Each structure stands twice: as structure tokens, then as C-alpha cells.
């Protein structure tokens, strides 16, 4: 019997960089340990997107690694628009998620067997 794939969807709402670093660290760690990981950037956390792309940012290396490994599912379209980072998201090639009235739907991930973790 083939083992079931472990799945974790990390929804990050908190715009505090100290919180966001834990999303990146845990997402990368889960992926290294065989989990299918999807990171969804929501709420105030969307404001961090432009800063994460700056090479001088301490979280830049982790952000780049998470994107390179395909862990970032995308960014909330409504929140990116509201926080003024829509163009920065597009410039980084991030998918804009809007399947629930302009926001990402948690049920999409639950229906695919993901365990939700919120930050």
C-alpha cells in the first residue's frame, strides 16, 4: 500500500516579520520532511511581499527558497489590492488567489486533503 501524502496549507495573515519568518522556516522544514506544502499570503502579511524581494532583507533567502520549491500557492487578490502591493505581487510572478469573493478559500485546500495551519 502506498503511503498517504502529508499535506499542510499555511495561511499567513499576520504582517509581523517575526511571525512570517516562522511560516517560511516551517514551510521549508515540512517540505524537506515529505509534506506537500502550500503557503497562502493573506491580510496584513501581503504588505511584506515587496520587502521579501529585497536582497538585503534577512528573510529574502528563505522567501526565494520557498518560491523556488513551489511552496507559495499565492496571494490574496483583495488584500494585495487593499494594501497596495498588487503590482509587487505581479512583478514577482505570484499567483493572485480570489476564488472566494476576491479572497482565497480555505475549503479549496481542505477539499484536497490539506491540514490548515494559520499564522
PDB file of N, CA and C in Angstrom:
ATOM      1  N   UNK A   1       0.834  -1.167   0.000  1.00  0.00           N
ATOM      2  CA  UNK A   1       0.000   0.000   0.000  1.00  0.00           C
ATOM      3  C   UNK A   1       0.894   1.250   0.000  1.00  0.00           C
ATOM      4  N   UNK A   2       0.559   2.193  -0.874  1.00  0.00           N
ATOM      5  CA  UNK A   2       1.310   3.432  -0.984  1.00  0.00           C
ATOM      6  C   UNK A   2       0.953   4.350   0.183  1.00  0.00           C
ATOM      7  N   UNK A   3       1.967   4.948   0.860  1.00  0.00           N
ATOM      8  CA  UNK A   3       1.655   5.833   1.988  1.00  0.00           C
ATOM      9  C   UNK A   3       0.951   7.108   1.514  1.00  0.00           C
ATOM     10  N   UNK A   4       0.050   7.603   2.334  1.00  0.00           N
ATOM     11  CA  UNK A   4      -0.683   8.816   2.008  1.00  0.00           C
ATOM     12  C   UNK A   4       0.250  10.025   2.140  1.00  0.00           C
ATOM     13  N   UNK A   5       0.151  10.931   1.182  1.00  0.00           N
ATOM     14  CA  UNK A   5       0.971  12.132   1.221  1.00  0.00           C
ATOM     15  C   UNK A   5       0.447  13.055   2.315  1.00  0.00           C
ATOM     16  N   UNK A   6       1.354  13.565   3.126  1.00  0.00           N
ATOM     17  CA  UNK A   6       1.002  14.511   4.177  1.00  0.00           C
ATOM     18  C   UNK A   6       0.937  15.901   3.548  1.00  0.00           C
ATOM     19  N   UNK A   7      -0.116  16.662   3.889  1.00  0.00           N
ATOM     20  CA  UNK A   7      -0.319  17.964   3.268  1.00  0.00           C
ATOM     21  C   UNK A   7      -0.573  19.020   4.335  1.00  0.00           C
ATOM     22  N   UNK A   8       0.039  20.198   4.134  1.00  0.00           N
ATOM     23  CA  UNK A   8      -0.175  21.322   5.050  1.00  0.00           C
ATOM     24  C   UNK A   8      -0.325  22.606   4.243  1.00  0.00           C
ATOM     25  N   UNK A   9      -1.411  23.330   4.497  1.00  0.00           N
ATOM     26  CA  UNK A   9      -1.629  24.646   3.902  1.00  0.00           C
ATOM     27  C   UNK A   9      -1.416  25.676   4.993  1.00  0.00           C
ATOM     28  N   UNK A  10      -0.417  26.530   4.802  1.00  0.00           N
ATOM     29  CA  UNK A  10      -0.083  27.551   5.785  1.00  0.00           C
ATOM     30  C   UNK A  10      -0.699  28.867   5.337  1.00  0.00           C
ATOM     31  N   UNK A  11      -1.707  29.325   6.054  1.00  0.00           N
ATOM     32  CA  UNK A  11      -2.357  30.602   5.765  1.00  0.00           C
ATOM     33  C   UNK A  11      -1.752  31.638   6.702  1.00  0.00           C
ATOM     34  N   UNK A  12      -1.091  32.630   6.149  1.00  0.00           N
ATOM     35  CA  UNK A  12      -0.460  33.659   6.972  1.00  0.00           C
ATOM     36  C   UNK A  12      -1.190  34.987   6.781  1.00  0.00           C
ATOM     37  N   UNK A  13      -1.736  35.483   7.884  1.00  0.00           N
ATOM     38  CA  UNK A  13      -2.462  36.755   7.921  1.00  0.00           C
ATOM     39  C   UNK A  13      -1.626  37.836   8.598  1.00  0.00           C
ATOM     40  N   UNK A  14      -0.802  37.440   9.554  1.00  0.00           N
ATOM     41  CA  UNK A  14      -0.050  38.354  10.401  1.00  0.00           C
ATOM     42  C   UNK A  14       1.073  39.022   9.601  1.00  0.00           C
ATOM     43  N   UNK A  15       1.121  40.353   9.646  1.00  0.00           N
ATOM     44  CA  UNK A  15       2.127  41.103   8.910  1.00  0.00           C
ATOM     45  C   UNK A  15       3.412  41.357   9.670  1.00  0.00           C
ATOM     46  N   UNK A  16       3.567  40.740  10.817  1.00  0.00           N
ATOM     47  CA  UNK A  16       4.780  40.892  11.608  1.00  0.00           C
ATOM     48  C   UNK A  16       5.887  40.030  10.995  1.00  0.00           C
ATOM     49  N   UNK A  17       7.028  40.625  10.627  1.00  0.00           N
ATOM     50  CA  UNK A  17       8.114  39.833  10.031  1.00  0.00           C
ATOM     51  C   UNK A  17       8.574  38.677  10.913  1.00  0.00           C
ATOM     52  N   UNK A  18       8.504  38.850  12.241  1.00  0.00           N
ATOM     53  CA  UNK A  18       8.923  37.755  13.135  1.00  0.00           C
ATOM     54  C   UNK A  18       7.968  36.570  13.052  1.00  0.00           C
ATOM     55  N   UNK A  19       6.720  36.836  12.754  1.00  0.00           N
ATOM     56  CA  UNK A  19       5.766  35.748  12.539  1.00  0.00           C
ATOM     57  C   UNK A  19       6.019  35.111  11.169  1.00  0.00           C
ATOM     58  N   UNK A  20       6.221  35.950  10.164  1.00  0.00           N
ATOM     59  CA  UNK A  20       6.367  35.449   8.807  1.00  0.00           C
ATOM     60  C   UNK A  20       7.596  34.553   8.650  1.00  0.00           C
ATOM     61  N   UNK A  21       8.662  34.854   9.365  1.00  0.00           N
ATOM     62  CA  UNK A  21       9.848  34.008   9.256  1.00  0.00           C
ATOM     63  C   UNK A  21       9.529  32.581   9.703  1.00  0.00           C
ATOM     64  N   UNK A  22       8.614  32.443  10.665  1.00  0.00           N
ATOM     65  CA  UNK A  22       8.236  31.104  11.124  1.00  0.00           C
ATOM     66  C   UNK A  22       7.404  30.369  10.072  1.00  0.00           C
ATOM     67  N   UNK A  23       6.634  31.100   9.300  1.00  0.00           N
ATOM     68  CA  UNK A  23       5.916  30.492   8.179  1.00  0.00           C
ATOM     69  C   UNK A  23       6.926  29.923   7.191  1.00  0.00           C
ATOM     70  N   UNK A  24       7.918  30.730   6.846  1.00  0.00           N
ATOM     71  CA  UNK A  24       8.937  30.285   5.887  1.00  0.00           C
ATOM     72  C   UNK A  24       9.740  29.107   6.426  1.00  0.00           C
ATOM     73  N   UNK A  25      10.206  29.220   7.664  1.00  0.00           N
ATOM     74  CA  UNK A  25      11.002  28.136   8.254  1.00  0.00           C
ATOM     75  C   UNK A  25      10.202  26.842   8.332  1.00  0.00           C
ATOM     76  N   UNK A  26       8.968  26.935   8.832  1.00  0.00           N
ATOM     77  CA  UNK A  26       8.149  25.725   8.961  1.00  0.00           C
ATOM     78  C   UNK A  26       7.745  25.161   7.603  1.00  0.00           C
ATOM     79  N   UNK A  27       7.419  26.031   6.662  1.00  0.00           N
ATOM     80  CA  UNK A  27       7.059  25.554   5.328  1.00  0.00           C
ATOM     81  C   UNK A  27       8.201  24.799   4.676  1.00  0.00           C
ATOM     82  N   UNK A  28       9.396  25.359   4.741  1.00  0.00           N
ATOM     83  CA  UNK A  28      10.569  24.694   4.159  1.00  0.00           C
ATOM     84  C   UNK A  28      10.881  23.389   4.891  1.00  0.00           C
ATOM     85  N   UNK A  29      10.767  23.408   6.224  1.00  0.00           N
ATOM     86  CA  UNK A  29      11.024  22.207   7.011  1.00  0.00           C
ATOM     87  C   UNK A  29      10.017  21.106   6.706  1.00  0.00           C
ATOM     88  N   UNK A  30       8.738  21.471   6.612  1.00  0.00           N
ATOM     89  CA  UNK A  30       7.712  20.479   6.287  1.00  0.00           C
ATOM     90  C   UNK A  30       7.980  19.865   4.910  1.00  0.00           C
ATOM     91  N   UNK A  31       8.335  20.703   3.949  1.00  0.00           N
ATOM     92  CA  UNK A  31       8.624  20.203   2.603  1.00  0.00           C
ATOM     93  C   UNK A  31       9.818  19.254   2.614  1.00  0.00           C
ATOM     94  N   UNK A  32      10.841  19.603   3.384  1.00  0.00           N
ATOM     95  CA  UNK A  32      12.022  18.741   3.492  1.00  0.00           C
ATOM     96  C   UNK A  32      11.689  17.402   4.142  1.00  0.00           C
ATOM     97  N   UNK A  33      10.614  17.383   4.912  1.00  0.00           N
ATOM     98  CA  UNK A  33      10.204  16.152   5.595  1.00  0.00           C
ATOM     99  C   UNK A  33       9.054  15.438   4.896  1.00  0.00           C
ATOM    100  N   UNK A  34       8.890  15.723   3.622  1.00  0.00           N
ATOM    101  CA  UNK A  34       7.960  14.959   2.810  1.00  0.00           C
ATOM    102  C   UNK A  34       6.540  15.480   2.700  1.00  0.00           C
ATOM    103  N   UNK A  35       6.263  16.636   3.265  1.00  0.00           N
ATOM    104  CA  UNK A  35       4.920  17.200   3.176  1.00  0.00           C
ATOM    105  C   UNK A  35       4.734  17.944   1.853  1.00  0.00           C
ATOM    106  N   UNK A  36       3.517  17.906   1.372  1.00  0.00           N
ATOM    107  CA  UNK A  36       3.105  18.797   0.303  1.00  0.00           C
ATOM    108  C   UNK A  36       2.679  20.089   0.998  1.00  0.00           C
ATOM    109  N   UNK A  37       3.352  21.199   0.688  1.00  0.00           N
ATOM    110  CA  UNK A  37       3.131  22.461   1.394  1.00  0.00           C
ATOM    111  C   UNK A  37       2.605  23.514   0.435  1.00  0.00           C
ATOM    112  N   UNK A  38       1.614  24.255   0.894  1.00  0.00           N
ATOM    113  CA  UNK A  38       1.070  25.399   0.155  1.00  0.00           C
ATOM    114  C   UNK A  38       1.008  26.563   1.127  1.00  0.00           C
ATOM    115  N   UNK A  39       1.666  27.663   0.779  1.00  0.00           N
ATOM    116  CA  UNK A  39       1.636  28.884   1.587  1.00  0.00           C
ATOM    117  C   UNK A  39       0.699  29.880   0.915  1.00  0.00           C
ATOM    118  N   UNK A  40      -0.232  30.416   1.693  1.00  0.00           N
ATOM    119  CA  UNK A  40      -1.199  31.389   1.196  1.00  0.00           C
ATOM    120  C   UNK A  40      -0.995  32.678   1.992  1.00  0.00           C
ATOM    121  N   UNK A  41      -0.668  33.758   1.287  1.00  0.00           N
ATOM    122  CA  UNK A  41      -0.401  35.039   1.928  1.00  0.00           C
ATOM    123  C   UNK A  41      -1.685  35.872   1.910  1.00  0.00           C
ATOM    124  N   UNK A  42      -2.140  36.281   3.085  1.00  0.00           N
ATOM    125  CA  UNK A  42      -3.418  36.976   3.282  1.00  0.00           C
ATOM    126  C   UNK A  42      -3.224  38.222   4.128  1.00  0.00           C
ATOM    127  N   UNK A  43      -4.258  39.034   4.212  1.00  0.00           N
ATOM    128  CA  UNK A  43      -4.334  40.145   5.156  1.00  0.00           C
ATOM    129  C   UNK A  43      -3.108  41.028   5.178  1.00  0.00           C
ATOM    130  N   UNK A  44      -2.712  41.433   6.391  1.00  0.00           N
ATOM    131  CA  UNK A  44      -1.574  42.336   6.573  1.00  0.00           C
ATOM    132  C   UNK A  44      -0.260  41.723   6.103  1.00  0.00           C
ATOM    133  N   UNK A  45      -0.183  40.413   6.036  1.00  0.00           N
ATOM    134  CA  UNK A  45       1.047  39.755   5.577  1.00  0.00           C
ATOM    135  C   UNK A  45       1.384  40.118   4.132  1.00  0.00           C
ATOM    136  N   UNK A  46       0.381  40.490   3.352  1.00  0.00           N
ATOM    137  CA  UNK A  46       0.653  40.860   1.956  1.00  0.00           C
ATOM    138  C   UNK A  46       1.593  42.056   1.874  1.00  0.00           C
ATOM    139  N   UNK A  47       1.580  42.919   2.877  1.00  0.00           N
ATOM    140  CA  UNK A  47       2.457  44.096   2.875  1.00  0.00           C
ATOM    141  C   UNK A  47       3.936  43.730   2.867  1.00  0.00           C
ATOM    142  N   UNK A  48       4.261  42.518   3.277  1.00  0.00           N
ATOM    143  CA  UNK A  48       5.659  42.083   3.337  1.00  0.00           C
ATOM    144  C   UNK A  48       6.222  41.707   1.971  1.00  0.00           C
ATOM    145  N   UNK A  49       5.374  41.455   0.992  1.00  0.00           N
ATOM    146  CA  UNK A  49       5.808  40.932  -0.312  1.00  0.00           C
ATOM    147  C   UNK A  49       6.927  41.763  -0.946  1.00  0.00           C
ATOM    148  N   UNK A  50       6.782  43.086  -1.073  1.00  0.00           N
ATOM    149  CA  UNK A  50       7.872  43.841  -1.694  1.00  0.00           C
ATOM    150  C   UNK A  50       9.179  43.763  -0.903  1.00  0.00           C
ATOM    151  N   UNK A  51       9.073  43.776   0.421  1.00  0.00           N
ATOM    152  CA  UNK A  51      10.265  43.738   1.274  1.00  0.00           C
ATOM    153  C   UNK A  51      10.979  42.393   1.183  1.00  0.00           C
ATOM    154  N   UNK A  52      10.227  41.324   1.036  1.00  0.00           N
ATOM    155  CA  UNK A  52      10.819  39.988   0.950  1.00  0.00           C
ATOM    156  C   UNK A  52      11.666  39.822  -0.303  1.00  0.00           C
ATOM    157  N   UNK A  53      11.383  40.614  -1.308  1.00  0.00           N
ATOM    158  CA  UNK A  53      12.119  40.524  -2.577  1.00  0.00           C
ATOM    159  C   UNK A  53      13.416  41.324  -2.552  1.00  0.00           C
ATOM    160  N   UNK A  54      13.649  42.099  -1.498  1.00  0.00           N
ATOM    161  CA  UNK A  54      14.870  42.894  -1.390  1.00  0.00           C
ATOM    162  C   UNK A  54      16.015  42.009  -0.895  1.00  0.00           C
ATOM    163  N   UNK A  55      17.123  42.013  -1.640  1.00  0.00           N
ATOM    164  CA  UNK A  55      18.242  41.126  -1.297  1.00  0.00           C
ATOM    165  C   UNK A  55      18.827  41.415   0.087  1.00  0.00           C
ATOM    166  N   UNK A  56      18.685  42.635   0.593  1.00  0.00           N
ATOM    167  CA  UNK A  56      19.197  42.962   1.916  1.00  0.00           C
ATOM    168  C   UNK A  56      18.296  42.511   3.056  1.00  0.00           C
ATOM    169  N   UNK A  57      17.104  42.053   2.733  1.00  0.00           N
ATOM    170  CA  UNK A  57      16.164  41.606   3.759  1.00  0.00           C
ATOM    171  C   UNK A  57      16.635  40.258   4.324  1.00  0.00           C
ATOM    172  N   UNK A  58      16.690  40.124   5.663  1.00  0.00           N
ATOM    173  CA  UNK A  58      17.140  38.858   6.258  1.00  0.00           C
ATOM    174  C   UNK A  58      16.292  37.645   5.851  1.00  0.00           C
ATOM    175  N   UNK A  59      15.031  37.877   5.450  1.00  0.00           N
ATOM    176  CA  UNK A  59      14.160  36.767   5.067  1.00  0.00           C
ATOM    177  C   UNK A  59      14.206  36.470   3.562  1.00  0.00           C
ATOM    178  N   UNK A  60      14.954  37.275   2.814  1.00  0.00           N
ATOM    179  CA  UNK A  60      14.986  37.135   1.352  1.00  0.00           C
ATOM    180  C   UNK A  60      15.396  35.722   0.907  1.00  0.00           C
ATOM    181  N   UNK A  61      16.437  35.177   1.518  1.00  0.00           N
ATOM    182  CA  UNK A  61      16.926  33.845   1.132  1.00  0.00           C
ATOM    183  C   UNK A  61      15.856  32.777   1.360  1.00  0.00           C
ATOM    184  N   UNK A  62      15.160  32.853   2.494  1.00  0.00           N
ATOM    185  CA  UNK A  62      14.106  31.877   2.782  1.00  0.00           C
ATOM    186  C   UNK A  62      12.925  32.042   1.817  1.00  0.00           C
ATOM    187  N   UNK A  63      12.540  33.292   1.545  1.00  0.00           N
ATOM    188  CA  UNK A  63      11.448  33.596   0.622  1.00  0.00           C
ATOM    189  C   UNK A  63      11.769  33.065  -0.773  1.00  0.00           C
ATOM    190  N   UNK A  64      12.996  33.321  -1.223  1.00  0.00           N
ATOM    191  CA  UNK A  64      13.432  32.854  -2.538  1.00  0.00           C
ATOM    192  C   UNK A  64      13.417  31.328  -2.602  1.00  0.00           C
ATOM    193  N   UNK A  65      13.850  30.686  -1.538  1.00  0.00           N
ATOM    194  CA  UNK A  65      13.850  29.221  -1.492  1.00  0.00           C
ATOM    195  C   UNK A  65      12.432  28.670  -1.525  1.00  0.00           C
ATOM    196  N   UNK A  66      11.530  29.284  -0.761  1.00  0.00           N
ATOM    197  CA  UNK A  66      10.137  28.822  -0.741  1.00  0.00           C
ATOM    198  C   UNK A  66       9.493  28.967  -2.123  1.00  0.00           C
ATOM    199  N   UNK A  67       9.753  30.089  -2.787  1.00  0.00           N
ATOM    200  CA  UNK A  67       9.199  30.278  -4.138  1.00  0.00           C
ATOM    201  C   UNK A  67       9.817  29.289  -5.116  1.00  0.00           C
ATOM    202  N   UNK A  68      11.121  29.088  -5.028  1.00  0.00           N
ATOM    203  CA  UNK A  68      11.816  28.176  -5.946  1.00  0.00           C
ATOM    204  C   UNK A  68      11.312  26.743  -5.805  1.00  0.00           C
ATOM    205  N   UNK A  69      10.939  26.355  -4.594  1.00  0.00           N
ATOM    206  CA  UNK A  69      10.435  24.996  -4.347  1.00  0.00           C
ATOM    207  C   UNK A  69       8.940  24.871  -4.651  1.00  0.00           C
ATOM    208  N   UNK A  70       8.312  25.972  -5.085  1.00  0.00           N
ATOM    209  CA  UNK A  70       6.894  25.930  -5.425  1.00  0.00           C
ATOM    210  C   UNK A  70       5.967  25.851  -4.232  1.00  0.00           C
ATOM    211  N   UNK A  71       6.414  26.334  -3.078  1.00  0.00           N
ATOM    212  CA  UNK A  71       5.609  26.239  -1.865  1.00  0.00           C
ATOM    213  C   UNK A  71       4.579  27.360  -1.739  1.00  0.00           C
ATOM    214  N   UNK A  72       4.818  28.473  -2.423  1.00  0.00           N
ATOM    215  CA  UNK A  72       3.923  29.626  -2.312  1.00  0.00           C
ATOM    216  C   UNK A  72       2.759  29.443  -3.284  1.00  0.00           C
ATOM    217  N   UNK A  73       1.593  29.147  -2.728  1.00  0.00           N
ATOM    218  CA  UNK A  73       0.401  28.953  -3.566  1.00  0.00           C
ATOM    219  C   UNK A  73      -0.024  30.269  -4.191  1.00  0.00           C
ATOM    220  N   UNK A  74       0.085  31.364  -3.426  1.00  0.00           N
ATOM    221  CA  UNK A  74      -0.282  32.656  -3.951  1.00  0.00           C
ATOM    222  C   UNK A  74      -0.645  33.647  -2.878  1.00  0.00           C
ATOM    223  N   UNK A  75      -1.194  34.762  -3.357  1.00  0.00           N
ATOM    224  CA  UNK A  75      -1.503  35.914  -2.523  1.00  0.00           C
ATOM    225  C   UNK A  75      -2.963  36.286  -2.715  1.00  0.00           C
ATOM    226  N   UNK A  76      -3.604  36.674  -1.651  1.00  0.00           N
ATOM    227  CA  UNK A  76      -4.992  37.129  -1.710  1.00  0.00           C
ATOM    228  C   UNK A  76      -5.094  38.366  -2.600  1.00  0.00           C
ATOM    229  N   UNK A  77      -5.898  38.286  -3.637  1.00  0.00           N
ATOM    230  CA  UNK A  77      -6.080  39.403  -4.556  1.00  0.00           C
ATOM    231  C   UNK A  77      -6.663  40.619  -3.850  1.00  0.00           C
ATOM    232  N   UNK A  78      -7.714  40.428  -3.066  1.00  0.00           N
ATOM    233  CA  UNK A  78      -8.360  41.546  -2.384  1.00  0.00           C
ATOM    234  C   UNK A  78      -7.413  42.228  -1.406  1.00  0.00           C
ATOM    235  N   UNK A  79      -6.675  41.443  -0.648  1.00  0.00           N
ATOM    236  CA  UNK A  79      -5.769  42.019   0.356  1.00  0.00           C
ATOM    237  C   UNK A  79      -4.567  42.697  -0.303  1.00  0.00           C
ATOM    238  N   UNK A  80      -4.028  42.104  -1.362  1.00  0.00           N
ATOM    239  CA  UNK A  80      -2.915  42.728  -2.077  1.00  0.00           C
ATOM    240  C   UNK A  80      -3.343  44.055  -2.677  1.00  0.00           C
ATOM    241  N   UNK A  81      -4.577  44.111  -3.157  1.00  0.00           N
ATOM    242  CA  UNK A  81      -5.107  45.355  -3.706  1.00  0.00           C
ATOM    243  C   UNK A  81      -5.268  46.384  -2.596  1.00  0.00           C
ATOM    244  N   UNK A  82      -5.872  45.981  -1.488  1.00  0.00           N
ATOM    245  CA  UNK A  82      -6.137  46.880  -0.359  1.00  0.00           C
ATOM    246  C   UNK A  82      -4.845  47.427   0.254  1.00  0.00           C
ATOM    247  N   UNK A  83      -3.806  46.592   0.334  1.00  0.00           N
ATOM    248  CA  UNK A  83      -2.550  47.018   0.961  1.00  0.00           C
ATOM    249  C   UNK A  83      -1.588  47.669  -0.040  1.00  0.00           C
ATOM    250  N   UNK A  84      -1.983  47.761  -1.310  1.00  0.00           N
ATOM    251  CA  UNK A  84      -1.185  48.467  -2.303  1.00  0.00           C
ATOM    252  C   UNK A  84       0.023  47.718  -2.836  1.00  0.00           C
ATOM    253  N   UNK A  85       0.000  46.383  -2.752  1.00  0.00           N
ATOM    254  CA  UNK A  85       1.159  45.603  -3.214  1.00  0.00           C
ATOM    255  C   UNK A  85       0.850  44.727  -4.434  1.00  0.00           C
ATOM    256  N   UNK A  86      -0.261  44.992  -5.072  1.00  0.00           N
ATOM    257  CA  UNK A  86      -0.683  44.172  -6.210  1.00  0.00           C
ATOM    258  C   UNK A  86       0.398  44.102  -7.287  1.00  0.00           C
ATOM    259  N   UNK A  87       0.968  45.241  -7.652  1.00  0.00           N
ATOM    260  CA  UNK A  87       1.996  45.254  -8.700  1.00  0.00           C
ATOM    261  C   UNK A  87       3.263  44.527  -8.267  1.00  0.00           C
ATOM    262  N   UNK A  88       3.617  44.628  -6.996  1.00  0.00           N
ATOM    263  CA  UNK A  88       4.789  43.904  -6.482  1.00  0.00           C
ATOM    264  C   UNK A  88       4.558  42.399  -6.567  1.00  0.00           C
ATOM    265  N   UNK A  89       3.332  41.959  -6.303  1.00  0.00           N
ATOM    266  CA  UNK A  89       2.994  40.533  -6.413  1.00  0.00           C
ATOM    267  C   UNK A  89       3.120  40.082  -7.857  1.00  0.00           C
ATOM    268  N   UNK A  90       2.587  40.883  -8.758  1.00  0.00           N
ATOM    269  CA  UNK A  90       2.672  40.554 -10.191  1.00  0.00           C
ATOM    270  C   UNK A  90       4.128  40.525 -10.650  1.00  0.00           C
ATOM    271  N   UNK A  91       4.923  41.492 -10.189  1.00  0.00           N
ATOM    272  CA  UNK A  91       6.337  41.568 -10.578  1.00  0.00           C
ATOM    273  C   UNK A  91       7.111  40.326 -10.129  1.00  0.00           C
ATOM    274  N   UNK A  92       6.693  39.729  -9.010  1.00  0.00           N
ATOM    275  CA  UNK A  92       7.356  38.514  -8.517  1.00  0.00           C
ATOM    276  C   UNK A  92       6.753  37.250  -9.122  1.00  0.00           C
ATOM    277  N   UNK A  93       5.745  37.412  -9.963  1.00  0.00           N
ATOM    278  CA  UNK A  93       5.118  36.259 -10.606  1.00  0.00           C
ATOM    279  C   UNK A  93       4.258  35.433  -9.677  1.00  0.00           C
ATOM    280  N   UNK A  94       3.754  36.044  -8.612  1.00  0.00           N
ATOM    281  CA  UNK A  94       2.934  35.319  -7.647  1.00  0.00           C
ATOM    282  C   UNK A  94       1.503  35.194  -8.161  1.00  0.00           C
ATOM    283  N   UNK A  95       0.913  34.044  -7.934  1.00  0.00           N
ATOM    284  CA  UNK A  95      -0.471  33.817  -8.321  1.00  0.00           C
ATOM    285  C   UNK A  95      -1.381  34.617  -7.391  1.00  0.00           C
ATOM    286  N   UNK A  96      -2.386  35.249  -7.979  1.00  0.00           N
ATOM    287  CA  UNK A  96      -3.361  36.009  -7.205  1.00  0.00           C
ATOM    288  C   UNK A  96      -4.578  35.121  -6.986  1.00  0.00           C
ATOM    289  N   UNK A  97      -4.923  34.887  -5.740  1.00  0.00           N
ATOM    290  CA  UNK A  97      -5.984  33.956  -5.369  1.00  0.00           C
ATOM    291  C   UNK A  97      -7.258  34.726  -5.048  1.00  0.00           C
ATOM    292  N   UNK A  98      -8.367  34.305  -5.661  1.00  0.00           N
ATOM    293  CA  UNK A  98      -9.606  35.079  -5.497  1.00  0.00           C
ATOM    294  C   UNK A  98     -10.866  34.233  -5.622  1.00  0.00           C
ATOM    295  N   UNK A  99     -10.776  32.947  -5.317  1.00  0.00           N
ATOM    296  CA  UNK A  99     -11.902  32.043  -5.550  1.00  0.00           C
ATOM    297  C   UNK A  99     -13.043  32.161  -4.540  1.00  0.00           C
ATOM    298  N   UNK A 100     -12.903  33.057  -3.551  1.00  0.00           N
ATOM    299  CA  UNK A 100     -13.967  33.260  -2.556  1.00  0.00           C
ATOM    300  C   UNK A 100     -14.205  34.762  -2.400  1.00  0.00           C
ATOM    301  N   UNK A 101     -14.994  35.317  -3.288  1.00  0.00           N
ATOM    302  CA  UNK A 101     -15.313  36.754  -3.240  1.00  0.00           C
ATOM    303  C   UNK A 101     -14.059  37.623  -3.193  1.00  0.00           C
ATOM    304  N   UNK A 102     -13.054  37.271  -3.986  1.00  0.00           N
ATOM    305  CA  UNK A 102     -11.822  38.036  -4.057  1.00  0.00           C
ATOM    306  C   UNK A 102     -10.729  37.569  -3.117  1.00  0.00           C
ATOM    307  N   UNK A 103     -11.021  36.588  -2.275  1.00  0.00           N
ATOM    308  CA  UNK A 103     -10.069  36.056  -1.297  1.00  0.00           C
ATOM    309  C   UNK A 103      -9.839  34.563  -1.566  1.00  0.00           C
ATOM    310  N   UNK A 104      -8.735  33.982  -1.059  1.00  0.00           N
ATOM    311  CA  UNK A 104      -8.525  32.543  -1.183  1.00  0.00           C
ATOM    312  C   UNK A 104      -9.474  31.773  -0.277  1.00  0.00           C
ATOM    313  N   UNK A 105      -9.964  30.683  -0.759  1.00  0.00           N
ATOM    314  CA  UNK A 105     -10.886  29.849   0.001  1.00  0.00           C
ATOM    315  C   UNK A 105     -10.132  28.740   0.731  1.00  0.00           C
ATOM    316  N   UNK A 106     -10.346  28.637   2.016  1.00  0.00           N
ATOM    317  CA  UNK A 106      -9.737  27.540   2.775  1.00  0.00           C
ATOM    318  C   UNK A 106     -10.325  26.201   2.365  1.00  0.00           C
ATOM    319  N   UNK A 107     -11.595  26.199   1.966  1.00  0.00           N
ATOM    320  CA  UNK A 107     -12.235  24.938   1.593  1.00  0.00           C
ATOM    321  C   UNK A 107     -11.557  24.290   0.387  1.00  0.00           C
ATOM    322  N   UNK A 108     -10.955  25.093  -0.468  1.00  0.00           N
ATOM    323  CA  UNK A 108     -10.220  24.549  -1.612  1.00  0.00           C
ATOM    324  C   UNK A 108      -9.135  23.597  -1.121  1.00  0.00           C
ATOM    325  N   UNK A 109      -8.427  24.000  -0.093  1.00  0.00           N
ATOM    326  CA  UNK A 109      -7.332  23.182   0.436  1.00  0.00           C
ATOM    327  C   UNK A 109      -7.848  22.031   1.296  1.00  0.00           C
ATOM    328  N   UNK A 110      -8.875  22.275   2.086  1.00  0.00           N
ATOM    329  CA  UNK A 110      -9.472  21.199   2.873  1.00  0.00           C
ATOM    330  C   UNK A 110     -10.005  20.099   1.973  1.00  0.00           C
ATOM    331  N   UNK A 111     -10.643  20.487   0.868  1.00  0.00           N
ATOM    332  CA  UNK A 111     -11.187  19.501  -0.075  1.00  0.00           C
ATOM    333  C   UNK A 111     -10.100  18.673  -0.749  1.00  0.00           C
ATOM    334  N   UNK A 112      -8.887  19.187  -0.771  1.00  0.00           N
ATOM    335  CA  UNK A 112      -7.759  18.463  -1.358  1.00  0.00           C
ATOM    336  C   UNK A 112      -6.959  17.690  -0.317  1.00  0.00           C
ATOM    337  N   UNK A 113      -7.474  17.672   0.916  1.00  0.00           N
ATOM    338  CA  UNK A 113      -6.821  16.893   1.968  1.00  0.00           C
ATOM    339  C   UNK A 113      -5.727  17.610   2.741  1.00  0.00           C
ATOM    340  N   UNK A 114      -5.632  18.918   2.596  1.00  0.00           N
ATOM    341  CA  UNK A 114      -4.634  19.686   3.341  1.00  0.00           C
ATOM    342  C   UNK A 114      -5.102  19.953   4.759  1.00  0.00           C
ATOM    343  N   UNK A 115      -4.173  19.913   5.694  1.00  0.00           N
ATOM    344  CA  UNK A 115      -4.421  20.369   7.046  1.00  0.00           C
ATOM    345  C   UNK A 115      -4.108  21.857   7.057  1.00  0.00           C
ATOM    346  N   UNK A 116      -4.998  22.678   7.621  1.00  0.00           N
ATOM    347  CA  UNK A 116      -4.797  24.120   7.654  1.00  0.00           C
ATOM    348  C   UNK A 116      -4.050  24.521   8.911  1.00  0.00           C
ATOM    349  N   UNK A 117      -3.066  25.397   8.715  1.00  0.00           N
ATOM    350  CA  UNK A 117      -2.336  25.989   9.825  1.00  0.00           C
ATOM    351  C   UNK A 117      -2.367  27.488   9.573  1.00  0.00           C
ATOM    352  N   UNK A 118      -2.818  28.259  10.576  1.00  0.00           N
ATOM    353  CA  UNK A 118      -2.899  29.703  10.395  1.00  0.00           C
ATOM    354  C   UNK A 118      -1.876  30.420  11.258  1.00  0.00           C
ATOM    355  N   UNK A 119      -1.383  31.489  10.712  1.00  0.00           N
ATOM    356  CA  UNK A 119      -0.410  32.346  11.402  1.00  0.00           C
ATOM    357  C   UNK A 119      -0.946  33.762  11.409  1.00  0.00           C
TER     358      UNK A 119
END
